[in-house]
Amino acid sequence: MYIEVDVEDGPNCDWSLVKMFETKERPYEITRVMASRPGSPLELWQVTGWSEGGAMPAYAAHVSDSGEGMVLLVYGGNHGIRLKPGDSVDMWDVEDDTQWGEPCLLLPAEAYAE
């Protein structure tokens, strides 16, 4: 089975990405993940998929990544994923600088996502 991540640049993140990943498991919907914002320590973040219409489900699946072996892929809509602090009660908003967007995340295979 393959997962194609096809992300357009836009207000959520500044770069596009088209990449295919091989997986042996079904993707599962997630709402939280342990990750680190660039230059910051590992933290618990809420995560959502992002599209031109706003928030949508985010998914995770263990995939093969050339050079890295098995990793945890976190992905969402055609504008990527969006993360906000684990304890945030704020609405999802691309203008909120406590939140950040990525095309996807490739985390260590043992990374926490639920």
Protein backbone atom coordinates (compact mmCIF):
# COMPACT_ATOMS: atom_id res chain seq x y z
CA MET A 1 0.00 0.00 0.00
CA TYR A 2 1.20 3.54 -0.74
CA ILE A 3 0.42 6.97 0.68
CA GLU A 4 0.90 9.99 -1.55
CA VAL A 5 1.53 13.29 0.22
CA ASP A 6 0.77 16.12 -2.22
CA VAL A 7 0.93 19.50 -0.49
CA GLU A 8 0.59 22.93 -2.08
CA ASP A 9 2.32 25.97 -0.62
CA GLY A 10 -0.05 28.50 0.88
CA PRO A 11 -0.89 30.31 4.11
CA ASN A 12 -0.29 27.18 6.24
CA CYS A 13 3.26 26.46 5.04
CA ASP A 14 5.63 28.07 2.58
CA TRP A 15 6.63 25.06 0.52
CA SER A 16 5.04 22.35 -1.54
CA LEU A 17 5.81 18.64 -1.44
CA VAL A 18 4.93 15.63 -3.55
CA LYS A 19 6.21 12.35 -2.17
CA MET A 20 5.10 8.72 -2.17
CA PHE A 21 5.56 6.47 0.88
CA GLU A 22 5.25 2.69 1.12
CA THR A 23 3.32 1.46 4.16
CA LYS A 24 2.30 -1.91 5.55
CA GLU A 25 -0.42 -0.54 7.86
CA ARG A 26 -3.61 1.39 7.44
CA PRO A 27 -3.31 5.11 8.28
CA TYR A 28 -5.16 6.09 11.45
CA GLU A 29 -6.69 9.41 12.43
CA ILE A 30 -4.81 11.38 15.10
CA THR A 31 -5.33 14.58 17.07
CA ARG A 32 -2.10 14.75 19.13
CA VAL A 33 1.58 14.06 18.49
CA MET A 34 4.91 14.43 20.29
CA ALA A 35 7.09 16.60 18.05
CA SER A 36 9.42 19.54 18.20
CA ARG A 37 8.97 22.88 16.53
CA PRO A 38 12.18 23.82 14.71
CA GLY A 39 14.69 24.92 17.35
CA SER A 40 12.53 23.77 20.29
CA PRO A 41 12.38 20.70 22.55
CA LEU A 42 10.03 17.75 22.11
CA GLU A 43 6.47 18.65 23.24
CA LEU A 44 2.90 17.39 22.96
CA TRP A 45 1.05 19.20 20.13
CA GLN A 46 -2.50 19.07 18.88
CA VAL A 47 -2.48 18.34 15.15
CA THR A 48 -4.97 18.71 12.33
CA GLY A 49 -4.87 18.34 8.59
CA TRP A 50 -5.15 21.59 6.63
CA SER A 51 -6.82 22.33 3.29
CA GLU A 52 -8.09 25.40 1.48
CA GLY A 53 -11.26 24.99 3.57
CA GLY A 54 -9.38 24.92 6.88
CA ALA A 55 -9.05 22.12 9.44
CA MET A 56 -9.64 18.48 8.47
CA PRO A 57 -8.48 15.14 9.92
CA ALA A 58 -4.77 14.38 10.28
CA TYR A 59 -3.43 10.84 9.91
CA ALA A 60 -0.39 8.81 10.90
CA ALA A 61 1.12 5.59 9.55
CA HIS A 62 4.46 3.83 9.77
CA VAL A 63 6.16 4.08 6.38
CA SER A 64 9.47 3.26 4.75
CA ASP A 65 11.63 6.32 4.09
CA SER A 66 14.72 5.87 1.96
CA GLY A 67 17.81 6.29 4.10
CA GLU A 68 15.87 6.41 7.39
CA GLY A 69 14.19 3.00 7.44
CA MET A 70 10.81 2.83 9.18
CA VAL A 71 9.41 6.21 10.37
CA LEU A 72 6.07 7.60 11.49
CA LEU A 73 4.47 9.77 8.82
CA VAL A 74 2.00 12.44 10.03
CA TYR A 75 0.05 14.03 7.20
CA GLY A 76 -3.20 15.81 6.42
CA GLY A 77 -4.76 17.86 3.65
CA ASN A 78 -3.52 19.47 0.46
CA HIS A 79 -2.07 22.32 2.54
CA GLY A 80 -0.33 19.96 4.98
CA ILE A 81 -0.80 19.76 8.71
CA ARG A 82 -1.13 22.39 11.42
CA LEU A 83 0.05 22.08 15.03
CA LYS A 84 -0.78 24.03 18.18
CA PRO A 85 0.26 23.61 21.83
CA GLY A 86 -1.22 20.55 23.52
CA ASP A 87 -3.11 22.65 26.08
CA SER A 88 -4.38 25.30 23.65
CA VAL A 89 -8.12 26.04 23.52
CA ASP A 90 -7.72 28.51 20.62
CA MET A 91 -9.37 27.84 17.28
CA TRP A 92 -7.19 26.68 14.39
CA ASP A 93 -5.92 29.81 12.65
CA VAL A 94 -3.04 30.36 10.19
CA GLU A 95 -2.63 33.87 11.64
CA ASP A 96 -1.95 32.52 15.18
CA ASP A 97 1.83 32.50 15.71
CA THR A 98 1.57 29.96 18.55
CA GLN A 99 0.57 27.50 15.81
CA TRP A 100 2.70 26.26 12.91
CA GLY A 101 2.26 24.44 9.64
CA GLU A 102 4.26 21.74 7.88
CA PRO A 103 3.70 19.75 4.68
CA CYS A 104 4.01 16.59 6.84
CA LEU A 105 6.16 15.22 9.65
CA LEU A 106 8.53 12.25 9.50
CA LEU A 107 9.16 11.18 13.09
CA PRO A 108 11.06 8.28 14.65
CA ALA A 109 9.11 5.03 14.36
CA GLU A 110 8.49 4.95 18.13
CA ALA A 111 7.07 8.52 18.20
CA TYR A 112 3.83 9.11 20.12
CA ALA A 113 0.71 9.93 18.08
CA GLU A 114 -2.94 9.43 19.02
